[in-house]
Amino acid sequence: MLVLLIANVVVLPVAISFFNDDLSTHWIVFNSVSDTVFLVDLIINFRTGITSNKLNPFDGFSSARDE
C-alpha cells in the first residue's frame, strides 16, 4: 500500500505532466489498478465501524437524543 501511495504522489504526476504524449498502456493500467486499490480500501474503511456499549454509531441520532 505504501508503494502505491508513493507512486501516486510522486511518479504519476511527474509522468502525466512531463511525459503526457509518452504514456503507454502500462502507465494507464498501473494508474487504474492503484486507483482501484485505494477505492476498495476507502469502501472497506467506511463499512467498518467501532461499536461500544453506550453508543452505537449505526443507530443514527436516536442514541444521542436519549442521553
PDB file of N, CA and C in Angstrom:
ATOM      1  N   MET A   1       0.822  -1.185   0.000  1.00  0.00           N
ATOM      2  CA  MET A   1       0.000   0.000   0.000  1.00  0.00           C
ATOM      3  C   MET A   1       0.875   1.261   0.000  1.00  0.00           C
ATOM      4  N   LEU A   2       1.975   1.208   0.727  1.00  0.00           N
ATOM      5  CA  LEU A   2       2.867   2.364   0.781  1.00  0.00           C
ATOM      6  C   LEU A   2       3.543   2.622  -0.566  1.00  0.00           C
ATOM      7  N   VAL A   3       3.860   1.553  -1.278  1.00  0.00           N
ATOM      8  CA  VAL A   3       4.478   1.710  -2.597  1.00  0.00           C
ATOM      9  C   VAL A   3       3.508   2.380  -3.561  1.00  0.00           C
ATOM     10  N   LEU A   4       2.240   1.985  -3.521  1.00  0.00           N
ATOM     11  CA  LEU A   4       1.238   2.619  -4.372  1.00  0.00           C
ATOM     12  C   LEU A   4       1.041   4.079  -4.014  1.00  0.00           C
ATOM     13  N   LEU A   5       1.091   4.384  -2.726  1.00  0.00           N
ATOM     14  CA  LEU A   5       0.950   5.767  -2.288  1.00  0.00           C
ATOM     15  C   LEU A   5       2.105   6.632  -2.784  1.00  0.00           C
ATOM     16  N   ILE A   6       3.317   6.130  -2.674  1.00  0.00           N
ATOM     17  CA  ILE A   6       4.484   6.879  -3.160  1.00  0.00           C
ATOM     18  C   ILE A   6       4.412   7.056  -4.670  1.00  0.00           C
ATOM     19  N   ALA A   7       3.983   6.015  -5.365  1.00  0.00           N
ATOM     20  CA  ALA A   7       3.862   6.114  -6.820  1.00  0.00           C
ATOM     21  C   ALA A   7       2.793   7.121  -7.212  1.00  0.00           C
ATOM     22  N   ASN A   8       1.684   7.159  -6.491  1.00  0.00           N
ATOM     23  CA  ASN A   8       0.631   8.119  -6.808  1.00  0.00           C
ATOM     24  C   ASN A   8       1.041   9.544  -6.482  1.00  0.00           C
ATOM     25  N   VAL A   9       1.814   9.729  -5.442  1.00  0.00           N
ATOM     26  CA  VAL A   9       2.195  11.080  -5.029  1.00  0.00           C
ATOM     27  C   VAL A   9       3.335  11.633  -5.881  1.00  0.00           C
ATOM     28  N   VAL A  10       4.286  10.805  -6.256  1.00  0.00           N
ATOM     29  CA  VAL A  10       5.487  11.304  -6.925  1.00  0.00           C
ATOM     30  C   VAL A  10       5.532  10.938  -8.412  1.00  0.00           C
ATOM     31  N   VAL A  11       5.466   9.675  -8.700  1.00  0.00           N
ATOM     32  CA  VAL A  11       5.745   9.207 -10.054  1.00  0.00           C
ATOM     33  C   VAL A  11       4.637   9.568 -11.039  1.00  0.00           C
ATOM     34  N   LEU A  12       3.400   9.323 -10.694  1.00  0.00           N
ATOM     35  CA  LEU A  12       2.317   9.558 -11.641  1.00  0.00           C
ATOM     36  C   LEU A  12       2.124  11.024 -12.013  1.00  0.00           C
ATOM     37  N   PRO A  13       2.166  11.980 -11.082  1.00  0.00           N
ATOM     38  CA  PRO A  13       2.051  13.377 -11.515  1.00  0.00           C
ATOM     39  C   PRO A  13       3.204  13.829 -12.414  1.00  0.00           C
ATOM     40  N   VAL A  14       4.414  13.371 -12.133  1.00  0.00           N
ATOM     41  CA  VAL A  14       5.552  13.727 -12.980  1.00  0.00           C
ATOM     42  C   VAL A  14       5.382  13.118 -14.367  1.00  0.00           C
ATOM     43  N   ALA A  15       4.949  11.880 -14.430  1.00  0.00           N
ATOM     44  CA  ALA A  15       4.759  11.218 -15.720  1.00  0.00           C
ATOM     45  C   ALA A  15       3.649  11.884 -16.530  1.00  0.00           C
ATOM     46  N   ILE A  16       2.589  12.277 -15.868  1.00  0.00           N
ATOM     47  CA  ILE A  16       1.476  12.911 -16.581  1.00  0.00           C
ATOM     48  C   ILE A  16       1.847  14.308 -17.055  1.00  0.00           C
ATOM     49  N   SER A  17       2.556  15.064 -16.241  1.00  0.00           N
ATOM     50  CA  SER A  17       2.836  16.450 -16.618  1.00  0.00           C
ATOM     51  C   SER A  17       3.984  16.586 -17.625  1.00  0.00           C
ATOM     52  N   PHE A  18       5.005  15.773 -17.531  1.00  0.00           N
ATOM     53  CA  PHE A  18       6.155  15.936 -18.412  1.00  0.00           C
ATOM     54  C   PHE A  18       6.174  14.970 -19.584  1.00  0.00           C
ATOM     55  N   PHE A  19       5.555  13.801 -19.428  1.00  0.00           N
ATOM     56  CA  PHE A  19       5.586  12.787 -20.473  1.00  0.00           C
ATOM     57  C   PHE A  19       4.175  12.445 -20.932  1.00  0.00           C
ATOM     58  N   ASN A  20       3.362  13.463 -21.161  1.00  0.00           N
ATOM     59  CA  ASN A  20       1.960  13.264 -21.496  1.00  0.00           C
ATOM     60  C   ASN A  20       1.781  12.511 -22.808  1.00  0.00           C
ATOM     61  N   ASP A  21       2.615  12.775 -23.808  1.00  0.00           N
ATOM     62  CA  ASP A  21       2.483  12.093 -25.087  1.00  0.00           C
ATOM     63  C   ASP A  21       3.033  10.679 -25.050  1.00  0.00           C
ATOM     64  N   ASP A  22       3.857  10.395 -24.070  1.00  0.00           N
ATOM     65  CA  ASP A  22       4.542   9.107 -23.996  1.00  0.00           C
ATOM     66  C   ASP A  22       3.878   8.113 -23.045  1.00  0.00           C
ATOM     67  N   LEU A  23       2.662   8.376 -22.588  1.00  0.00           N
ATOM     68  CA  LEU A  23       2.012   7.467 -21.646  1.00  0.00           C
ATOM     69  C   LEU A  23       1.607   6.181 -22.363  1.00  0.00           C
ATOM     70  N   SER A  24       2.170   5.092 -21.914  1.00  0.00           N
ATOM     71  CA  SER A  24       1.862   3.804 -22.525  1.00  0.00           C
ATOM     72  C   SER A  24       0.718   3.141 -21.767  1.00  0.00           C
ATOM     73  N   THR A  25       0.330   1.997 -22.266  1.00  0.00           N
ATOM     74  CA  THR A  25      -0.759   1.275 -21.603  1.00  0.00           C
ATOM     75  C   THR A  25      -0.335   0.771 -20.228  1.00  0.00           C
ATOM     76  N   HIS A  26       0.963   0.568 -20.023  1.00  0.00           N
ATOM     77  CA  HIS A  26       1.448   0.132 -18.707  1.00  0.00           C
ATOM     78  C   HIS A  26       1.153   1.188 -17.641  1.00  0.00           C
ATOM     79  N   TRP A  27       1.374   2.455 -17.966  1.00  0.00           N
ATOM     80  CA  TRP A  27       1.090   3.528 -17.014  1.00  0.00           C
ATOM     81  C   TRP A  27      -0.398   3.650 -16.749  1.00  0.00           C
ATOM     82  N   ILE A  28      -1.194   3.502 -17.784  1.00  0.00           N
ATOM     83  CA  ILE A  28      -2.644   3.607 -17.612  1.00  0.00           C
ATOM     84  C   ILE A  28      -3.167   2.451 -16.773  1.00  0.00           C
ATOM     85  N   VAL A  29      -2.669   1.261 -17.006  1.00  0.00           N
ATOM     86  CA  VAL A  29      -3.077   0.101 -16.207  1.00  0.00           C
ATOM     87  C   VAL A  29      -2.625   0.265 -14.767  1.00  0.00           C
ATOM     88  N   PHE A  30      -1.385   0.710 -14.559  1.00  0.00           N
ATOM     89  CA  PHE A  30      -0.891   0.922 -13.201  1.00  0.00           C
ATOM     90  C   PHE A  30      -1.720   1.972 -12.466  1.00  0.00           C
ATOM     91  N   ASN A  31      -2.065   3.045 -13.149  1.00  0.00           N
ATOM     92  CA  ASN A  31      -2.879   4.090 -12.537  1.00  0.00           C
ATOM     93  C   ASN A  31      -4.269   3.564 -12.205  1.00  0.00           C
ATOM     94  N   SER A  32      -4.854   2.794 -13.080  1.00  0.00           N
ATOM     95  CA  SER A  32      -6.183   2.237 -12.843  1.00  0.00           C
ATOM     96  C   SER A  32      -6.176   1.237 -11.689  1.00  0.00           C
ATOM     97  N   VAL A  33      -5.152   0.398 -11.639  1.00  0.00           N
ATOM     98  CA  VAL A  33      -5.052  -0.584 -10.552  1.00  0.00           C
ATOM     99  C   VAL A  33      -4.841   0.111  -9.213  1.00  0.00           C
ATOM    100  N   SER A  34      -3.975   1.096  -9.169  1.00  0.00           N
ATOM    101  CA  SER A  34      -3.731   1.786  -7.899  1.00  0.00           C
ATOM    102  C   SER A  34      -4.961   2.563  -7.455  1.00  0.00           C
ATOM    103  N   ASP A  35      -5.686   3.180  -8.385  1.00  0.00           N
ATOM    104  CA  ASP A  35      -6.926   3.869  -8.020  1.00  0.00           C
ATOM    105  C   ASP A  35      -7.975   2.894  -7.512  1.00  0.00           C
ATOM    106  N   THR A  36      -8.042   1.723  -8.117  1.00  0.00           N
ATOM    107  CA  THR A  36      -8.999   0.707  -7.673  1.00  0.00           C
ATOM    108  C   THR A  36      -8.656   0.200  -6.277  1.00  0.00           C
ATOM    109  N   VAL A  37      -7.379  -0.003  -6.013  1.00  0.00           N
ATOM    110  CA  VAL A  37      -6.965  -0.454  -4.674  1.00  0.00           C
ATOM    111  C   VAL A  37      -7.340   0.586  -3.621  1.00  0.00           C
ATOM    112  N   PHE A  38      -7.095   1.865  -3.904  1.00  0.00           N
ATOM    113  CA  PHE A  38      -7.447   2.906  -2.945  1.00  0.00           C
ATOM    114  C   PHE A  38      -8.955   3.046  -2.785  1.00  0.00           C
ATOM    115  N   LEU A  39      -9.719   2.851  -3.839  1.00  0.00           N
ATOM    116  CA  LEU A  39     -11.171   2.918  -3.745  1.00  0.00           C
ATOM    117  C   LEU A  39     -11.718   1.769  -2.909  1.00  0.00           C
ATOM    118  N   VAL A  40     -11.196   0.572  -3.110  1.00  0.00           N
ATOM    119  CA  VAL A  40     -11.614  -0.581  -2.308  1.00  0.00           C
ATOM    120  C   VAL A  40     -11.238  -0.368  -0.844  1.00  0.00           C
ATOM    121  N   ASP A  41     -10.056   0.177  -0.589  1.00  0.00           N
ATOM    122  CA  ASP A  41      -9.645   0.479   0.776  1.00  0.00           C
ATOM    123  C   ASP A  41     -10.573   1.502   1.420  1.00  0.00           C
ATOM    124  N   LEU A  42     -10.976   2.500   0.672  1.00  0.00           N
ATOM    125  CA  LEU A  42     -11.899   3.514   1.179  1.00  0.00           C
ATOM    126  C   LEU A  42     -13.252   2.905   1.504  1.00  0.00           C
ATOM    127  N   ILE A  43     -13.756   2.050   0.641  1.00  0.00           N
ATOM    128  CA  ILE A  43     -15.048   1.398   0.875  1.00  0.00           C
ATOM    129  C   ILE A  43     -14.973   0.487   2.093  1.00  0.00           C
ATOM    130  N   ILE A  44     -13.895  -0.261   2.226  1.00  0.00           N
ATOM    131  CA  ILE A  44     -13.744  -1.144   3.391  1.00  0.00           C
ATOM    132  C   ILE A  44     -13.669  -0.326   4.675  1.00  0.00           C
ATOM    133  N   ASN A  45     -12.952   0.792   4.658  1.00  0.00           N
ATOM    134  CA  ASN A  45     -12.846   1.614   5.860  1.00  0.00           C
ATOM    135  C   ASN A  45     -14.170   2.261   6.229  1.00  0.00           C
ATOM    136  N   PHE A  46     -14.986   2.624   5.261  1.00  0.00           N
ATOM    137  CA  PHE A  46     -16.285   3.202   5.575  1.00  0.00           C
ATOM    138  C   PHE A  46     -17.291   2.154   6.041  1.00  0.00           C
ATOM    139  N   ARG A  47     -17.101   0.905   5.660  1.00  0.00           N
ATOM    140  CA  ARG A  47     -18.025  -0.145   6.053  1.00  0.00           C
ATOM    141  C   ARG A  47     -17.730  -0.701   7.442  1.00  0.00           C
ATOM    142  N   THR A  48     -16.577  -0.427   7.981  1.00  0.00           N
ATOM    143  CA  THR A  48     -16.252  -0.916   9.314  1.00  0.00           C
ATOM    144  C   THR A  48     -16.451   0.205  10.310  1.00  0.00           C
ATOM    145  N   GLY A  49     -16.886  -0.137  11.469  1.00  0.00           N
ATOM    146  CA  GLY A  49     -17.102   0.858  12.500  1.00  0.00           C
ATOM    147  C   GLY A  49     -16.773   0.295  13.866  1.00  0.00           C
ATOM    148  N   ILE A  50     -16.563   1.175  14.812  1.00  0.00           N
ATOM    149  CA  ILE A  50     -16.276   0.767  16.185  1.00  0.00           C
ATOM    150  C   ILE A  50     -17.551   0.945  16.980  1.00  0.00           C
ATOM    151  N   THR A  51     -17.992  -0.114  17.588  1.00  0.00           N
ATOM    152  CA  THR A  51     -19.193  -0.033  18.409  1.00  0.00           C
ATOM    153  C   THR A  51     -18.798  -0.123  19.877  1.00  0.00           C
ATOM    154  N   SER A  52     -19.541   0.571  20.690  1.00  0.00           N
ATOM    155  CA  SER A  52     -19.340   0.487  22.131  1.00  0.00           C
ATOM    156  C   SER A  52     -20.678   0.147  22.776  1.00  0.00           C
ATOM    157  N   ASN A  53     -20.657  -0.114  24.056  1.00  0.00           N
ATOM    158  CA  ASN A  53     -21.889  -0.473  24.755  1.00  0.00           C
ATOM    159  C   ASN A  53     -22.812   0.719  24.943  1.00  0.00           C
ATOM    160  N   LYS A  54     -22.247   1.925  25.030  1.00  0.00           N
ATOM    161  CA  LYS A  54     -23.060   3.103  25.300  1.00  0.00           C
ATOM    162  C   LYS A  54     -23.692   3.686  24.043  1.00  0.00           C
ATOM    163  N   LEU A  55     -22.944   3.741  22.954  1.00  0.00           N
ATOM    164  CA  LEU A  55     -23.413   4.418  21.751  1.00  0.00           C
ATOM    165  C   LEU A  55     -23.115   3.562  20.536  1.00  0.00           C
ATOM    166  N   ASN A  56     -24.144   3.267  19.778  1.00  0.00           N
ATOM    167  CA  ASN A  56     -23.981   2.505  18.546  1.00  0.00           C
ATOM    168  C   ASN A  56     -24.008   3.494  17.391  1.00  0.00           C
ATOM    169  N   PRO A  57     -22.939   3.631  16.628  1.00  0.00           N
ATOM    170  CA  PRO A  57     -22.904   4.636  15.566  1.00  0.00           C
ATOM    171  C   PRO A  57     -23.860   4.344  14.419  1.00  0.00           C
ATOM    172  N   PHE A  58     -24.431   3.140  14.374  1.00  0.00           N
ATOM    173  CA  PHE A  58     -25.336   2.798  13.294  1.00  0.00           C
ATOM    174  C   PHE A  58     -26.796   3.075  13.637  1.00  0.00           C
ATOM    175  N   ASP A  59     -27.058   3.595  14.835  1.00  0.00           N
ATOM    176  CA  ASP A  59     -28.425   3.878  15.247  1.00  0.00           C
ATOM    177  C   ASP A  59     -28.895   5.260  14.810  1.00  0.00           C
ATOM    178  N   GLY A  60     -28.040   6.059  14.276  1.00  0.00           N
ATOM    179  CA  GLY A  60     -28.430   7.402  13.882  1.00  0.00           C
ATOM    180  C   GLY A  60     -28.420   8.337  15.077  1.00  0.00           C
ATOM    181  N   PHE A  61     -29.423   9.193  15.163  1.00  0.00           N
ATOM    182  CA  PHE A  61     -29.482  10.180  16.234  1.00  0.00           C
ATOM    183  C   PHE A  61     -30.301   9.716  17.434  1.00  0.00           C
ATOM    184  N   SER A  62     -30.883   8.549  17.391  1.00  0.00           N
ATOM    185  CA  SER A  62     -31.741   8.103  18.489  1.00  0.00           C
ATOM    186  C   SER A  62     -30.948   7.954  19.794  1.00  0.00           C
ATOM    187  N   SER A  63     -29.733   7.440  19.740  1.00  0.00           N
ATOM    188  CA  SER A  63     -28.931   7.273  20.953  1.00  0.00           C
ATOM    189  C   SER A  63     -28.491   8.615  21.515  1.00  0.00           C
ATOM    190  N   ALA A  64     -28.204   9.584  20.669  1.00  0.00           N
ATOM    191  CA  ALA A  64     -27.760  10.898  21.134  1.00  0.00           C
ATOM    192  C   ALA A  64     -28.905  11.635  21.809  1.00  0.00           C
ATOM    193  N   ARG A  65     -30.121  11.489  21.341  1.00  0.00           N
ATOM    194  CA  ARG A  65     -31.266  12.163  21.948  1.00  0.00           C
ATOM    195  C   ARG A  65     -31.664  11.530  23.271  1.00  0.00           C
ATOM    196  N   ASP A  66     -31.446  10.214  23.407  1.00  0.00           N
ATOM    197  CA  ASP A  66     -31.874   9.515  24.612  1.00  0.00           C
ATOM    198  C   ASP A  66     -31.014   9.873  25.813  1.00  0.00           C
ATOM    199  N   GLU A  67     -29.768  10.249  25.607  1.00  0.00           N
ATOM    200  CA  GLU A  67     -28.865  10.515  26.736  1.00  0.00           C
ATOM    201  C   GLU A  67     -28.912  11.926  27.179  1.00  0.00           C
TER     202      GLU A  67
END
